[in-house]
Amino acid sequence: MPSSFIGGPTDMRKRYMEATTLVKLYGKPDIFLTMTCNPNWPEITNELFQHEEPQNRPDLVARVFHSKLEELKDQLFKKKIFGQVSAYVYVIEHQKRGLPHAHFLIILQRDWKLYTPESFDEIVSTDIPDKNTNIHLHNAVVKHMMHGPCGFLNPSNVFMKRNGCCKSNYPKKYAPNTNVESDCFPFYKRSDNGVNVRVRGKNLDNRSVVPYNPYLLATFDCHINVEIFSTIKAVKCLYKYIDKGHDHVAFNLISEQNNHQVDEIQEF
């Protein structure tokens, strides 16, 4: 298929090559941001008929997500909440259940680039907010930004690998300060303050919090993961990740009367 077929392999490769050209001109990306549609946004639930679920209305979900995405772009590139932006790329994908999510890679201007752990803490948080002082943000973190439970709390979680570890290495370790090793992801500050919340039948603490920006999370009320990537040298992997295209699946239909066992090795 030609590159005019949006989402096809040729189109995605073209987008990847254009994105890497931006890196050549403006430098490595500083921020990786993922925003996922919240099916419980009032703009969606208020328009549903009785007994209707959001996945039954992909048109409504897509329109509301588009409006939220435009508002996010205003916050990032017009209001400049993270600083002056030199270039950015983003892609919208759809999950198996139909909910859209967007991946952003943002390159900041030279005077605004993030190099020190102190500047990371101004943008990213991994602590559960105090319920008594900010109930709205506290509820948003508990609802959208708690990973798992997995690891030793739930060995049967889909994120678990065969060696008994979580794919995303949750729960993380406590850390009194943010620090960065050479060519590595930042290790964000995670306070050992005894705060824990009940999520999906388990008590979780700051070790299970997905990195977030408090302002954006409180504004959009959805899963919105913000990571600092200015220290990462594997830039190609970042852009290949967002330009990988949609998921593929191979399947076939077998009659109920046919008891033939499928031999995947023989099939492929």
C-alpha atoms as a PDB file:
ATOM      1  CA  MET A   1       0.000   0.000   0.000  1.00  0.00           C
ATOM      2  CA  PRO A   2       1.261   3.531  -0.731  1.00  0.00           C
ATOM      3  CA  SER A   3       1.960   6.070   2.024  1.00  0.00           C
ATOM      4  CA  SER A   4      -1.399   7.733   1.276  1.00  0.00           C
ATOM      5  CA  PHE A   5      -3.030   4.770   3.089  1.00  0.00           C
ATOM      6  CA  ILE A   6      -3.014   6.148   6.648  1.00  0.00           C
ATOM      7  CA  GLY A   7      -1.705   3.663   9.189  1.00  0.00           C
ATOM      8  CA  GLY A   8      -0.204   1.313   6.614  1.00  0.00           C
ATOM      9  CA  PRO A   9       3.391   0.043   6.850  1.00  0.00           C
ATOM     10  CA  THR A  10       4.659   2.496   4.211  1.00  0.00           C
ATOM     11  CA  ASP A  11       2.921   5.431   5.899  1.00  0.00           C
ATOM     12  CA  MET A  12       4.271   4.524   9.338  1.00  0.00           C
ATOM     13  CA  ARG A  13       7.805   4.123   8.019  1.00  0.00           C
ATOM     14  CA  LYS A  14       7.543   7.519   6.353  1.00  0.00           C
ATOM     15  CA  ARG A  15       6.385   9.060   9.631  1.00  0.00           C
ATOM     16  CA  TYR A  16       9.284   7.417  11.458  1.00  0.00           C
ATOM     17  CA  MET A  17      11.837   8.824   8.999  1.00  0.00           C
ATOM     18  CA  GLU A  18      10.317  12.305   9.280  1.00  0.00           C
ATOM     19  CA  ALA A  19      10.383  12.100  13.081  1.00  0.00           C
ATOM     20  CA  THR A  20      14.042  11.119  13.183  1.00  0.00           C
ATOM     21  CA  THR A  21      14.794  14.089  10.922  1.00  0.00           C
ATOM     22  CA  LEU A  22      13.307  16.334  13.603  1.00  0.00           C
ATOM     23  CA  VAL A  23      15.757  14.833  16.099  1.00  0.00           C
ATOM     24  CA  LYS A  24      18.619  15.675  13.749  1.00  0.00           C
ATOM     25  CA  LEU A  25      17.447  19.298  13.585  1.00  0.00           C
ATOM     26  CA  TYR A  26      16.234  19.960  17.147  1.00  0.00           C
ATOM     27  CA  GLY A  27      17.817  17.318  19.358  1.00  0.00           C
ATOM     28  CA  LYS A  28      16.541  14.379  21.394  1.00  0.00           C
ATOM     29  CA  PRO A  29      12.995  14.303  22.816  1.00  0.00           C
ATOM     30  CA  ASP A  30      12.602  15.471  26.401  1.00  0.00           C
ATOM     31  CA  ILE A  31       9.091  14.361  27.349  1.00  0.00           C
ATOM     32  CA  PHE A  32       7.051  11.263  26.514  1.00  0.00           C
ATOM     33  CA  LEU A  33       3.351  11.717  27.240  1.00  0.00           C
ATOM     34  CA  THR A  34       0.521   9.216  26.883  1.00  0.00           C
ATOM     35  CA  MET A  35      -3.126  10.224  27.194  1.00  0.00           C
ATOM     36  CA  THR A  36      -5.871   7.570  27.263  1.00  0.00           C
ATOM     37  CA  CYS A  37      -9.574   8.216  26.782  1.00  0.00           C
ATOM     38  CA  ASN A  38     -11.692   8.026  29.931  1.00  0.00           C
ATOM     39  CA  PRO A  39     -15.015   6.315  29.069  1.00  0.00           C
ATOM     40  CA  ASN A  40     -16.559   7.919  32.173  1.00  0.00           C
ATOM     41  CA  TRP A  41     -16.052  11.504  31.044  1.00  0.00           C
ATOM     42  CA  PRO A  42     -19.378  13.362  31.527  1.00  0.00           C
ATOM     43  CA  GLU A  43     -19.296  14.423  27.875  1.00  0.00           C
ATOM     44  CA  ILE A  44     -19.614  10.723  27.002  1.00  0.00           C
ATOM     45  CA  THR A  45     -21.861   9.350  29.736  1.00  0.00           C
ATOM     46  CA  ASN A  46     -24.402  12.183  29.403  1.00  0.00           C
ATOM     47  CA  GLU A  47     -25.033  11.265  25.758  1.00  0.00           C
ATOM     48  CA  LEU A  48     -25.527   7.526  26.251  1.00  0.00           C
ATOM     49  CA  PHE A  49     -28.951   5.933  26.177  1.00  0.00           C
ATOM     50  CA  GLN A  50     -30.126   3.713  28.997  1.00  0.00           C
ATOM     51  CA  HIS A  51     -28.163   0.423  29.202  1.00  0.00           C
ATOM     52  CA  GLU A  52     -25.757   1.714  26.511  1.00  0.00           C
ATOM     53  CA  GLU A  53     -22.013   1.409  27.064  1.00  0.00           C
ATOM     54  CA  PRO A  54     -19.268   3.708  25.711  1.00  0.00           C
ATOM     55  CA  GLN A  55     -17.802   0.973  23.483  1.00  0.00           C
ATOM     56  CA  ASN A  56     -21.141   0.886  21.646  1.00  0.00           C
ATOM     57  CA  ARG A  57     -20.620   4.493  20.528  1.00  0.00           C
ATOM     58  CA  PRO A  58     -17.200   4.776  18.881  1.00  0.00           C
ATOM     59  CA  ASP A  59     -18.358   7.920  17.068  1.00  0.00           C
ATOM     60  CA  LEU A  60     -19.128   9.688  20.355  1.00  0.00           C
ATOM     61  CA  VAL A  61     -15.940   8.459  22.038  1.00  0.00           C
ATOM     62  CA  ALA A  62     -13.799   9.598  19.101  1.00  0.00           C
ATOM     63  CA  ARG A  63     -15.340  13.092  18.992  1.00  0.00           C
ATOM     64  CA  VAL A  64     -14.964  13.680  22.720  1.00  0.00           C
ATOM     65  CA  PHE A  65     -11.404  12.365  22.722  1.00  0.00           C
ATOM     66  CA  HIS A  66     -10.549  14.626  19.789  1.00  0.00           C
ATOM     67  CA  SER A  67     -11.808  17.691  21.661  1.00  0.00           C
ATOM     68  CA  LYS A  68      -9.837  16.706  24.771  1.00  0.00           C
ATOM     69  CA  LEU A  69      -6.745  16.127  22.636  1.00  0.00           C
ATOM     70  CA  GLU A  70      -7.031  19.599  21.110  1.00  0.00           C
ATOM     71  CA  GLU A  71      -7.303  21.073  24.602  1.00  0.00           C
ATOM     72  CA  LEU A  72      -4.186  19.141  25.646  1.00  0.00           C
ATOM     73  CA  LYS A  73      -2.289  20.502  22.650  1.00  0.00           C
ATOM     74  CA  ASP A  74      -3.306  24.033  23.666  1.00  0.00           C
ATOM     75  CA  GLN A  75      -1.908  23.418  27.144  1.00  0.00           C
ATOM     76  CA  LEU A  76       1.364  22.036  25.786  1.00  0.00           C
ATOM     77  CA  PHE A  77       2.075  24.249  22.797  1.00  0.00           C
ATOM     78  CA  LYS A  78       0.188  27.509  23.351  1.00  0.00           C
ATOM     79  CA  LYS A  79       0.195  27.871  27.122  1.00  0.00           C
ATOM     80  CA  LYS A  80       3.617  26.150  27.197  1.00  0.00           C
ATOM     81  CA  ILE A  81       3.154  24.487  30.590  1.00  0.00           C
ATOM     82  CA  PHE A  82       6.419  22.551  30.117  1.00  0.00           C
ATOM     83  CA  GLY A  83       8.291  25.399  28.411  1.00  0.00           C
ATOM     84  CA  GLN A  84       9.061  26.442  24.842  1.00  0.00           C
ATOM     85  CA  VAL A  85       8.641  23.562  22.386  1.00  0.00           C
ATOM     86  CA  SER A  86      10.887  23.199  19.333  1.00  0.00           C
ATOM     87  CA  ALA A  87       9.117  20.207  17.749  1.00  0.00           C
ATOM     88  CA  TYR A  88       6.759  17.376  18.573  1.00  0.00           C
ATOM     89  CA  VAL A  89       5.165  14.307  17.049  1.00  0.00           C
ATOM     90  CA  TYR A  90       2.139  12.346  18.189  1.00  0.00           C
ATOM     91  CA  VAL A  91       0.119   9.344  17.085  1.00  0.00           C
ATOM     92  CA  ILE A  92      -3.382   8.161  18.018  1.00  0.00           C
ATOM     93  CA  GLU A  93      -3.969   4.444  18.548  1.00  0.00           C
ATOM     94  CA  HIS A  94      -6.998   2.399  19.548  1.00  0.00           C
ATOM     95  CA  GLN A  95      -7.026  -0.261  22.223  1.00  0.00           C
ATOM     96  CA  LYS A  96      -8.650  -3.663  21.793  1.00  0.00           C
ATOM     97  CA  ARG A  97     -11.837  -2.434  23.465  1.00  0.00           C
ATOM     98  CA  GLY A  98     -11.971   0.610  21.182  1.00  0.00           C
ATOM     99  CA  LEU A  99     -10.761   3.389  23.467  1.00  0.00           C
ATOM    100  CA  PRO A 100      -8.299   5.761  21.748  1.00  0.00           C
ATOM    101  CA  HIS A 101      -5.038   6.929  23.283  1.00  0.00           C
ATOM    102  CA  ALA A 102      -2.336   9.313  22.067  1.00  0.00           C
ATOM    103  CA  HIS A 103       1.455   9.160  22.384  1.00  0.00           C
ATOM    104  CA  PHE A 104       3.404  12.450  22.319  1.00  0.00           C
ATOM    105  CA  LEU A 105       7.153  12.918  21.978  1.00  0.00           C
ATOM    106  CA  ILE A 106       8.079  16.530  22.749  1.00  0.00           C
ATOM    107  CA  ILE A 107      11.388  18.262  22.039  1.00  0.00           C
ATOM    108  CA  LEU A 108      11.961  21.378  24.129  1.00  0.00           C
ATOM    109  CA  GLN A 109      14.072  24.361  23.116  1.00  0.00           C
ATOM    110  CA  ARG A 110      17.654  24.445  24.334  1.00  0.00           C
ATOM    111  CA  ASP A 111      17.043  26.859  27.234  1.00  0.00           C
ATOM    112  CA  TRP A 112      14.134  24.712  28.477  1.00  0.00           C
ATOM    113  CA  LYS A 113      15.658  21.248  28.239  1.00  0.00           C
ATOM    114  CA  LEU A 114      15.544  18.990  31.285  1.00  0.00           C
ATOM    115  CA  TYR A 115      18.875  17.719  32.561  1.00  0.00           C
ATOM    116  CA  THR A 116      18.787  17.833  36.367  1.00  0.00           C
ATOM    117  CA  PRO A 117      16.684  15.685  38.745  1.00  0.00           C
ATOM    118  CA  GLU A 118      15.358  18.875  40.364  1.00  0.00           C
ATOM    119  CA  SER A 119      13.791  19.905  37.042  1.00  0.00           C
ATOM    120  CA  PHE A 120      12.249  16.428  36.690  1.00  0.00           C
ATOM    121  CA  ASP A 121      10.466  16.833  40.030  1.00  0.00           C
ATOM    122  CA  GLU A 122       8.858  20.074  38.824  1.00  0.00           C
ATOM    123  CA  ILE A 123       7.034  18.161  36.068  1.00  0.00           C
ATOM    124  CA  VAL A 124       6.628  14.554  37.204  1.00  0.00           C
ATOM    125  CA  SER A 125       5.248  13.168  40.462  1.00  0.00           C
ATOM    126  CA  THR A 126       4.978   9.570  41.686  1.00  0.00           C
ATOM    127  CA  ASP A 127       3.401  10.158  45.097  1.00  0.00           C
ATOM    128  CA  ILE A 128      -0.190   9.704  46.213  1.00  0.00           C
ATOM    129  CA  PRO A 129      -1.500  13.208  47.084  1.00  0.00           C
ATOM    130  CA  ASP A 130      -2.770  14.025  50.550  1.00  0.00           C
ATOM    131  CA  LYS A 131      -6.473  13.259  50.717  1.00  0.00           C
ATOM    132  CA  ASN A 132      -7.102  16.057  53.211  1.00  0.00           C
ATOM    133  CA  THR A 133      -5.552  18.869  51.160  1.00  0.00           C
ATOM    134  CA  ASN A 134      -6.366  17.834  47.566  1.00  0.00           C
ATOM    135  CA  ILE A 135      -9.186  15.323  47.381  1.00  0.00           C
ATOM    136  CA  HIS A 136      -9.737  15.814  43.620  1.00  0.00           C
ATOM    137  CA  LEU A 137      -6.134  14.986  42.679  1.00  0.00           C
ATOM    138  CA  HIS A 138      -6.028  12.162  45.222  1.00  0.00           C
ATOM    139  CA  ASN A 139      -9.080  10.512  43.671  1.00  0.00           C
ATOM    140  CA  ALA A 140      -7.697  10.992  40.152  1.00  0.00           C
ATOM    141  CA  VAL A 141      -4.412   9.276  41.054  1.00  0.00           C
ATOM    142  CA  VAL A 142      -6.205   6.361  42.724  1.00  0.00           C
ATOM    143  CA  LYS A 143      -8.601   5.976  39.797  1.00  0.00           C
ATOM    144  CA  HIS A 144      -6.223   6.403  36.850  1.00  0.00           C
ATOM    145  CA  MET A 145      -2.554   6.177  37.862  1.00  0.00           C
ATOM    146  CA  MET A 146      -2.216   3.096  40.092  1.00  0.00           C
ATOM    147  CA  HIS A 147      -0.522   0.152  38.374  1.00  0.00           C
ATOM    148  CA  GLY A 148      -1.586  -3.370  39.195  1.00  0.00           C
ATOM    149  CA  PRO A 149      -1.728  -4.866  41.678  1.00  0.00           C
ATOM    150  CA  CYS A 150       0.951  -7.125  40.284  1.00  0.00           C
ATOM    151  CA  GLY A 151       4.233  -8.615  41.427  1.00  0.00           C
ATOM    152  CA  PHE A 152       3.989 -10.524  44.684  1.00  0.00           C
ATOM    153  CA  LEU A 153       0.563  -8.963  45.354  1.00  0.00           C
ATOM    154  CA  ASN A 154      -0.991 -10.603  42.293  1.00  0.00           C
ATOM    155  CA  PRO A 155       1.200 -13.189  40.502  1.00  0.00           C
ATOM    156  CA  SER A 156      -1.595 -13.943  37.995  1.00  0.00           C
ATOM    157  CA  ASN A 157      -1.758 -10.398  36.602  1.00  0.00           C
ATOM    158  CA  VAL A 158      -1.505 -10.150  32.801  1.00  0.00           C
ATOM    159  CA  PHE A 159       1.574  -7.917  33.208  1.00  0.00           C
ATOM    160  CA  MET A 160       3.508 -10.706  34.898  1.00  0.00           C
ATOM    161  CA  LYS A 161       6.280 -12.495  33.021  1.00  0.00           C
ATOM    162  CA  ARG A 162       7.208 -16.152  33.412  1.00  0.00           C
ATOM    163  CA  ASN A 163      10.003 -15.305  35.823  1.00  0.00           C
ATOM    164  CA  GLY A 164       7.466 -13.851  38.254  1.00  0.00           C
ATOM    165  CA  CYS A 165       8.339 -10.199  37.581  1.00  0.00           C
ATOM    166  CA  CYS A 166       6.113  -7.437  36.241  1.00  0.00           C
ATOM    167  CA  LYS A 167       6.810  -6.326  32.659  1.00  0.00           C
ATOM    168  CA  SER A 168       6.958  -2.725  33.876  1.00  0.00           C
ATOM    169  CA  ASN A 169       8.910  -3.625  37.029  1.00  0.00           C
ATOM    170  CA  TYR A 170       6.157  -2.663  39.462  1.00  0.00           C
ATOM    171  CA  PRO A 171       6.068  -2.203  42.356  1.00  0.00           C
ATOM    172  CA  LYS A 172       9.100   0.101  42.153  1.00  0.00           C
ATOM    173  CA  LYS A 173      11.525   0.782  44.974  1.00  0.00           C
ATOM    174  CA  TYR A 174      11.219   3.687  47.346  1.00  0.00           C
ATOM    175  CA  ALA A 175      13.585   6.561  46.530  1.00  0.00           C
ATOM    176  CA  PRO A 176      14.170   9.656  48.716  1.00  0.00           C
ATOM    177  CA  ASN A 177      15.325  11.661  45.686  1.00  0.00           C
ATOM    178  CA  THR A 178      15.123  11.525  41.911  1.00  0.00           C
ATOM    179  CA  ASN A 179      18.306  10.305  40.295  1.00  0.00           C
ATOM    180  CA  VAL A 180      19.512   9.327  36.838  1.00  0.00           C
ATOM    181  CA  GLU A 181      22.119   6.843  35.718  1.00  0.00           C
ATOM    182  CA  SER A 182      23.964   7.166  32.421  1.00  0.00           C
ATOM    183  CA  ASP A 183      21.836   6.184  29.417  1.00  0.00           C
ATOM    184  CA  CYS A 184      18.941   5.145  31.647  1.00  0.00           C
ATOM    185  CA  PHE A 185      15.423   6.036  32.607  1.00  0.00           C
ATOM    186  CA  PRO A 186      15.132   8.392  35.574  1.00  0.00           C
ATOM    187  CA  PHE A 187      14.433   6.849  38.972  1.00  0.00           C
ATOM    188  CA  TYR A 188      11.727   9.151  40.267  1.00  0.00           C
ATOM    189  CA  LYS A 189      11.342  10.168  43.884  1.00  0.00           C
ATOM    190  CA  ARG A 190       8.953   7.829  45.724  1.00  0.00           C
ATOM    191  CA  SER A 191       8.345   8.741  49.343  1.00  0.00           C
ATOM    192  CA  ASP A 192       8.143   6.041  51.987  1.00  0.00           C
ATOM    193  CA  ASN A 193       5.513   7.961  53.969  1.00  0.00           C
ATOM    194  CA  GLY A 194       3.200   5.084  54.861  1.00  0.00           C
ATOM    195  CA  VAL A 195       0.368   6.319  52.627  1.00  0.00           C
ATOM    196  CA  ASN A 196      -1.545   3.508  50.928  1.00  0.00           C
ATOM    197  CA  VAL A 197      -4.867   3.127  49.135  1.00  0.00           C
ATOM    198  CA  ARG A 198      -7.165   0.208  48.417  1.00  0.00           C
ATOM    199  CA  VAL A 199      -7.147  -0.632  44.690  1.00  0.00           C
ATOM    200  CA  ARG A 200      -8.751  -3.765  43.228  1.00  0.00           C
ATOM    201  CA  GLY A 201      -8.744  -5.519  46.567  1.00  0.00           C
ATOM    202  CA  LYS A 202      -5.106  -4.784  47.481  1.00  0.00           C
ATOM    203  CA  ASN A 203      -3.336  -2.072  49.477  1.00  0.00           C
ATOM    204  CA  LEU A 204      -1.016  -0.121  47.162  1.00  0.00           C
ATOM    205  CA  ASP A 205       1.458   2.641  48.027  1.00  0.00           C
ATOM    206  CA  ASN A 206       3.724   5.085  46.188  1.00  0.00           C
ATOM    207  CA  ARG A 207       5.700   2.204  44.673  1.00  0.00           C
ATOM    208  CA  SER A 208       2.751   1.446  42.355  1.00  0.00           C
ATOM    209  CA  VAL A 209       2.083   5.000  41.128  1.00  0.00           C
ATOM    210  CA  VAL A 210       2.587   5.583  37.389  1.00  0.00           C
ATOM    211  CA  PRO A 211       4.478   8.884  36.797  1.00  0.00           C
ATOM    212  CA  TYR A 212       2.077  11.764  36.175  1.00  0.00           C
ATOM    213  CA  ASN A 213       1.868  15.544  36.007  1.00  0.00           C
ATOM    214  CA  PRO A 214      -0.486  16.831  38.737  1.00  0.00           C
ATOM    215  CA  TYR A 215      -1.809  19.756  36.685  1.00  0.00           C
ATOM    216  CA  LEU A 216      -2.656  17.695  33.595  1.00  0.00           C
ATOM    217  CA  LEU A 217      -4.134  14.831  35.620  1.00  0.00           C
ATOM    218  CA  ALA A 218      -6.408  17.146  37.582  1.00  0.00           C
ATOM    219  CA  THR A 219      -7.416  18.982  34.391  1.00  0.00           C
ATOM    220  CA  PHE A 220      -8.288  16.023  32.155  1.00  0.00           C
ATOM    221  CA  ASP A 221      -9.311  13.335  34.688  1.00  0.00           C
ATOM    222  CA  CYS A 222      -7.924  10.390  32.716  1.00  0.00           C
ATOM    223  CA  HIS A 223      -4.843   8.189  32.554  1.00  0.00           C
ATOM    224  CA  ILE A 224      -2.147  10.623  31.432  1.00  0.00           C
ATOM    225  CA  ASN A 225       1.374   9.301  31.896  1.00  0.00           C
ATOM    226  CA  VAL A 226       4.266  11.809  31.726  1.00  0.00           C
ATOM    227  CA  GLU A 227       7.880  10.593  31.563  1.00  0.00           C
ATOM    228  CA  ILE A 228      11.177  12.456  31.215  1.00  0.00           C
ATOM    229  CA  PHE A 229      13.194  11.006  28.329  1.00  0.00           C
ATOM    230  CA  SER A 230      15.944  13.592  27.960  1.00  0.00           C
ATOM    231  CA  THR A 231      18.525  11.138  29.339  1.00  0.00           C
ATOM    232  CA  ILE A 232      17.647   8.285  26.995  1.00  0.00           C
ATOM    233  CA  LYS A 233      20.060   7.557  24.153  1.00  0.00           C
ATOM    234  CA  ALA A 234      17.927   4.889  22.453  1.00  0.00           C
ATOM    235  CA  VAL A 235      16.003   7.505  20.482  1.00  0.00           C
ATOM    236  CA  LYS A 236      15.255   5.214  17.538  1.00  0.00           C
ATOM    237  CA  CYS A 237      13.351   2.825  19.805  1.00  0.00           C
ATOM    238  CA  LEU A 238      11.116   5.669  21.018  1.00  0.00           C
ATOM    239  CA  TYR A 239      10.070   6.706  17.541  1.00  0.00           C
ATOM    240  CA  LYS A 240       9.726   3.135  16.306  1.00  0.00           C
ATOM    241  CA  TYR A 241       7.441   2.487  19.283  1.00  0.00           C
ATOM    242  CA  ILE A 242       4.973   5.240  18.420  1.00  0.00           C
ATOM    243  CA  ASP A 243       5.187   4.492  14.676  1.00  0.00           C
ATOM    244  CA  LYS A 244       4.765   0.726  14.950  1.00  0.00           C
ATOM    245  CA  GLY A 245       1.250   0.867  13.498  1.00  0.00           C
ATOM    246  CA  HIS A 246      -1.888  -0.880  14.667  1.00  0.00           C
ATOM    247  CA  ASP A 247      -1.995  -4.326  16.239  1.00  0.00           C
ATOM    248  CA  HIS A 248      -2.327  -7.382  14.011  1.00  0.00           C
ATOM    249  CA  VAL A 249      -3.967 -10.704  14.741  1.00  0.00           C
ATOM    250  CA  ALA A 250      -4.250 -13.976  12.796  1.00  0.00           C
ATOM    251  CA  PHE A 251      -7.393 -16.055  13.256  1.00  0.00           C
ATOM    252  CA  ASN A 252      -9.505 -18.668  11.525  1.00  0.00           C
ATOM    253  CA  LEU A 253     -13.029 -20.041  11.992  1.00  0.00           C
ATOM    254  CA  ILE A 254     -13.672 -23.687  12.816  1.00  0.00           C
ATOM    255  CA  SER A 255     -17.090 -25.350  12.831  1.00  0.00           C
ATOM    256  CA  GLU A 256     -18.360 -26.556  16.202  1.00  0.00           C
ATOM    257  CA  GLN A 257     -18.907 -30.025  14.709  1.00  0.00           C
ATOM    258  CA  ASN A 258     -15.253 -30.196  13.687  1.00  0.00           C
ATOM    259  CA  ASN A 259     -13.057 -31.450  16.522  1.00  0.00           C
ATOM    260  CA  HIS A 260      -9.884 -30.827  14.538  1.00  0.00           C
ATOM    261  CA  GLN A 261      -7.062 -29.647  16.772  1.00  0.00           C
ATOM    262  CA  VAL A 262      -5.242 -26.580  15.513  1.00  0.00           C
ATOM    263  CA  ASP A 263      -1.499 -27.128  15.165  1.00  0.00           C
ATOM    264  CA  GLU A 264      -0.026 -23.617  15.149  1.00  0.00           C
ATOM    265  CA  ILE A 265       3.432 -24.886  14.179  1.00  0.00           C
ATOM    266  CA  GLN A 266       1.982 -26.708  11.165  1.00  0.00           C
ATOM    267  CA  GLU A 267      -0.163 -23.680  10.229  1.00  0.00           C
ATOM    268  CA  PHE A 268       2.752 -21.253  10.155  1.00  0.00           C
END
